[in-house]
């Protein structure tokens, strides 16, 4: 494992340079189908674990969920 100071320095370096993750916009087809089948209707509250860049959370918030 890396020392905390190294990870902190890396995070600062990336943000200072405007680093952005390259991700697909919106949901993948299988995610859209799964969410429609399994999630309660909005305005339900959802916890999105391991959200990464927030791709799924953004779409769900736009659909009326409380994230």
N, C-alpha and C. Protein backbone atom coordinates (compact mmCIF):
# COMPACT_ATOMS: atom_id res chain seq x y z
N UNK A 1 0.84 -1.18 0.00
CA UNK A 1 0.00 0.00 0.00
C UNK A 1 0.89 1.24 0.00
N UNK A 2 0.40 2.29 -0.63
CA UNK A 2 1.16 3.53 -0.71
C UNK A 2 0.97 4.36 0.55
N UNK A 3 2.00 5.09 0.95
CA UNK A 3 1.85 5.99 2.10
C UNK A 3 0.80 7.06 1.83
N UNK A 4 0.06 7.44 2.85
CA UNK A 4 -1.00 8.44 2.71
C UNK A 4 -0.49 9.72 2.08
N UNK A 5 0.71 10.14 2.44
CA UNK A 5 1.26 11.38 1.90
C UNK A 5 1.41 11.29 0.38
N UNK A 6 1.80 10.12 -0.12
CA UNK A 6 1.96 9.94 -1.57
C UNK A 6 0.61 10.04 -2.28
N UNK A 7 -0.41 9.43 -1.70
CA UNK A 7 -1.74 9.47 -2.31
C UNK A 7 -2.31 10.88 -2.30
N UNK A 8 -2.09 11.58 -1.20
CA UNK A 8 -2.54 12.96 -1.11
C UNK A 8 -1.85 13.82 -2.17
N UNK A 9 -0.55 13.65 -2.31
CA UNK A 9 0.21 14.41 -3.30
C UNK A 9 -0.27 14.10 -4.72
N UNK A 10 -0.57 12.84 -4.99
CA UNK A 10 -1.07 12.46 -6.31
C UNK A 10 -2.42 13.12 -6.57
N UNK A 11 -3.31 13.08 -5.60
CA UNK A 11 -4.62 13.71 -5.76
C UNK A 11 -4.50 15.19 -6.06
N UNK A 12 -3.64 15.88 -5.34
CA UNK A 12 -3.43 17.31 -5.57
C UNK A 12 -2.85 17.54 -6.96
N UNK A 13 -1.89 16.73 -7.35
CA UNK A 13 -1.27 16.86 -8.68
C UNK A 13 -2.32 16.70 -9.78
N UNK A 14 -3.19 15.70 -9.66
CA UNK A 14 -4.21 15.46 -10.67
C UNK A 14 -5.21 16.60 -10.74
N UNK A 15 -5.71 17.04 -9.60
CA UNK A 15 -6.69 18.13 -9.59
C UNK A 15 -6.10 19.44 -10.10
N UNK A 16 -4.85 19.72 -9.75
CA UNK A 16 -4.20 20.94 -10.22
C UNK A 16 -4.08 20.98 -11.73
N UNK A 17 -4.01 19.85 -12.36
CA UNK A 17 -3.87 19.78 -13.80
C UNK A 17 -5.19 19.59 -14.53
N UNK A 18 -6.29 19.64 -13.78
CA UNK A 18 -7.60 19.51 -14.41
C UNK A 18 -7.88 18.13 -14.93
N UNK A 19 -7.28 17.12 -14.32
CA UNK A 19 -7.47 15.74 -14.75
C UNK A 19 -8.94 15.37 -14.65
N UNK A 20 -9.47 14.76 -15.69
CA UNK A 20 -10.86 14.31 -15.69
C UNK A 20 -10.90 12.86 -16.14
N UNK A 21 -11.72 12.09 -15.48
CA UNK A 21 -11.91 10.70 -15.89
C UNK A 21 -12.66 10.67 -17.21
N UNK A 22 -12.29 9.75 -18.05
CA UNK A 22 -13.00 9.55 -19.31
C UNK A 22 -13.99 8.40 -19.11
N UNK A 23 -15.25 8.75 -19.00
CA UNK A 23 -16.27 7.73 -18.78
C UNK A 23 -17.40 7.89 -19.78
N UNK A 24 -18.16 6.84 -19.94
CA UNK A 24 -19.33 6.91 -20.79
C UNK A 24 -20.38 7.78 -20.11
N UNK A 25 -21.10 8.55 -20.90
CA UNK A 25 -22.17 9.36 -20.35
C UNK A 25 -23.42 8.50 -20.23
N UNK A 26 -24.21 8.77 -19.23
CA UNK A 26 -25.45 8.05 -19.05
C UNK A 26 -25.23 6.65 -18.51
N UNK A 27 -26.25 5.83 -18.69
CA UNK A 27 -26.20 4.46 -18.20
C UNK A 27 -25.94 3.49 -19.35
N UNK A 28 -25.32 2.39 -19.03
CA UNK A 28 -25.23 1.30 -19.99
C UNK A 28 -26.61 0.65 -20.09
N UNK A 29 -26.90 -0.01 -21.20
CA UNK A 29 -28.22 -0.60 -21.42
C UNK A 29 -28.59 -1.57 -20.30
N UNK A 30 -27.64 -2.39 -19.84
CA UNK A 30 -27.97 -3.36 -18.79
C UNK A 30 -28.26 -2.65 -17.47
N UNK A 31 -27.58 -1.51 -17.20
CA UNK A 31 -27.85 -0.76 -15.98
C UNK A 31 -29.25 -0.17 -16.03
N UNK A 32 -29.60 0.42 -17.16
CA UNK A 32 -30.91 1.04 -17.30
C UNK A 32 -32.01 0.00 -17.08
N UNK A 33 -31.86 -1.17 -17.67
CA UNK A 33 -32.85 -2.24 -17.51
C UNK A 33 -32.92 -2.72 -16.06
N UNK A 34 -31.77 -2.88 -15.43
CA UNK A 34 -31.73 -3.36 -14.05
C UNK A 34 -32.34 -2.34 -13.11
N UNK A 35 -31.98 -1.05 -13.28
CA UNK A 35 -32.53 -0.01 -12.42
C UNK A 35 -34.05 0.05 -12.57
N UNK A 36 -34.55 -0.03 -13.80
CA UNK A 36 -36.00 0.02 -14.03
C UNK A 36 -36.71 -1.14 -13.36
N UNK A 37 -36.07 -2.29 -13.36
CA UNK A 37 -36.68 -3.51 -12.79
C UNK A 37 -36.57 -3.55 -11.27
N UNK A 38 -35.46 -3.10 -10.70
CA UNK A 38 -35.18 -3.34 -9.29
C UNK A 38 -35.36 -2.15 -8.34
N UNK A 39 -35.27 -0.95 -8.84
CA UNK A 39 -35.33 0.21 -7.95
C UNK A 39 -36.76 0.66 -7.70
N UNK A 40 -37.03 1.18 -6.52
CA UNK A 40 -38.36 1.77 -6.28
C UNK A 40 -38.50 3.03 -7.13
N UNK A 41 -39.73 3.46 -7.35
CA UNK A 41 -39.89 4.67 -8.16
C UNK A 41 -39.40 5.92 -7.41
N UNK A 42 -38.97 6.94 -8.15
CA UNK A 42 -38.57 8.19 -7.50
C UNK A 42 -39.80 8.81 -6.83
N UNK A 43 -39.62 9.55 -5.79
CA UNK A 43 -38.42 10.14 -5.23
C UNK A 43 -37.83 9.32 -4.08
N UNK A 44 -37.46 8.11 -4.32
CA UNK A 44 -36.84 7.27 -3.29
C UNK A 44 -35.42 7.77 -3.03
N UNK A 45 -34.90 7.44 -1.85
CA UNK A 45 -33.51 7.74 -1.51
C UNK A 45 -32.66 6.53 -1.83
N UNK A 46 -31.52 6.76 -2.47
CA UNK A 46 -30.62 5.69 -2.85
C UNK A 46 -29.21 5.97 -2.33
N UNK A 47 -28.53 4.93 -1.92
CA UNK A 47 -27.11 5.02 -1.59
C UNK A 47 -26.36 4.34 -2.73
N UNK A 48 -25.52 5.10 -3.39
CA UNK A 48 -24.74 4.57 -4.51
C UNK A 48 -23.33 4.33 -3.98
N UNK A 49 -23.04 3.09 -3.65
CA UNK A 49 -21.73 2.74 -3.12
C UNK A 49 -20.69 2.60 -4.21
N UNK A 50 -19.47 3.00 -3.91
CA UNK A 50 -18.41 2.90 -4.91
C UNK A 50 -18.74 3.70 -6.14
N UNK A 51 -19.21 4.92 -5.96
CA UNK A 51 -19.74 5.73 -7.06
C UNK A 51 -18.70 6.19 -8.07
N UNK A 52 -17.43 6.09 -7.74
CA UNK A 52 -16.40 6.49 -8.70
C UNK A 52 -16.58 7.92 -9.16
N UNK A 53 -16.80 8.12 -10.45
CA UNK A 53 -16.97 9.46 -10.99
C UNK A 53 -18.39 9.98 -10.85
N UNK A 54 -19.30 9.14 -10.40
CA UNK A 54 -20.68 9.58 -10.18
C UNK A 54 -21.58 9.47 -11.39
N UNK A 55 -21.15 8.73 -12.40
CA UNK A 55 -21.93 8.58 -13.63
C UNK A 55 -23.35 8.11 -13.35
N UNK A 56 -23.49 7.03 -12.60
CA UNK A 56 -24.81 6.48 -12.31
C UNK A 56 -25.60 7.42 -11.39
N UNK A 57 -24.91 7.98 -10.38
CA UNK A 57 -25.58 8.87 -9.43
C UNK A 57 -26.17 10.08 -10.14
N UNK A 58 -25.46 10.63 -11.11
CA UNK A 58 -25.95 11.79 -11.84
C UNK A 58 -27.23 11.47 -12.60
N UNK A 59 -27.25 10.34 -13.29
CA UNK A 59 -28.43 9.95 -14.04
C UNK A 59 -29.60 9.71 -13.10
N UNK A 60 -29.35 9.01 -11.99
CA UNK A 60 -30.44 8.73 -11.05
C UNK A 60 -30.98 10.00 -10.40
N UNK A 61 -30.11 10.95 -10.10
CA UNK A 61 -30.55 12.23 -9.53
C UNK A 61 -31.41 12.98 -10.56
N UNK A 62 -31.01 12.95 -11.83
CA UNK A 62 -31.78 13.60 -12.87
C UNK A 62 -33.16 12.96 -13.03
N UNK A 63 -33.27 11.70 -12.67
CA UNK A 63 -34.56 10.99 -12.75
C UNK A 63 -35.41 11.20 -11.52
N UNK A 64 -34.91 11.96 -10.56
CA UNK A 64 -35.73 12.32 -9.40
C UNK A 64 -35.40 11.59 -8.11
N UNK A 65 -34.36 10.77 -8.12
CA UNK A 65 -33.95 10.08 -6.89
C UNK A 65 -33.15 11.02 -6.01
N UNK A 66 -33.22 10.78 -4.70
CA UNK A 66 -32.36 11.49 -3.74
C UNK A 66 -31.15 10.60 -3.52
N UNK A 67 -29.99 11.07 -3.89
CA UNK A 67 -28.75 10.28 -3.80
C UNK A 67 -28.00 10.65 -2.54
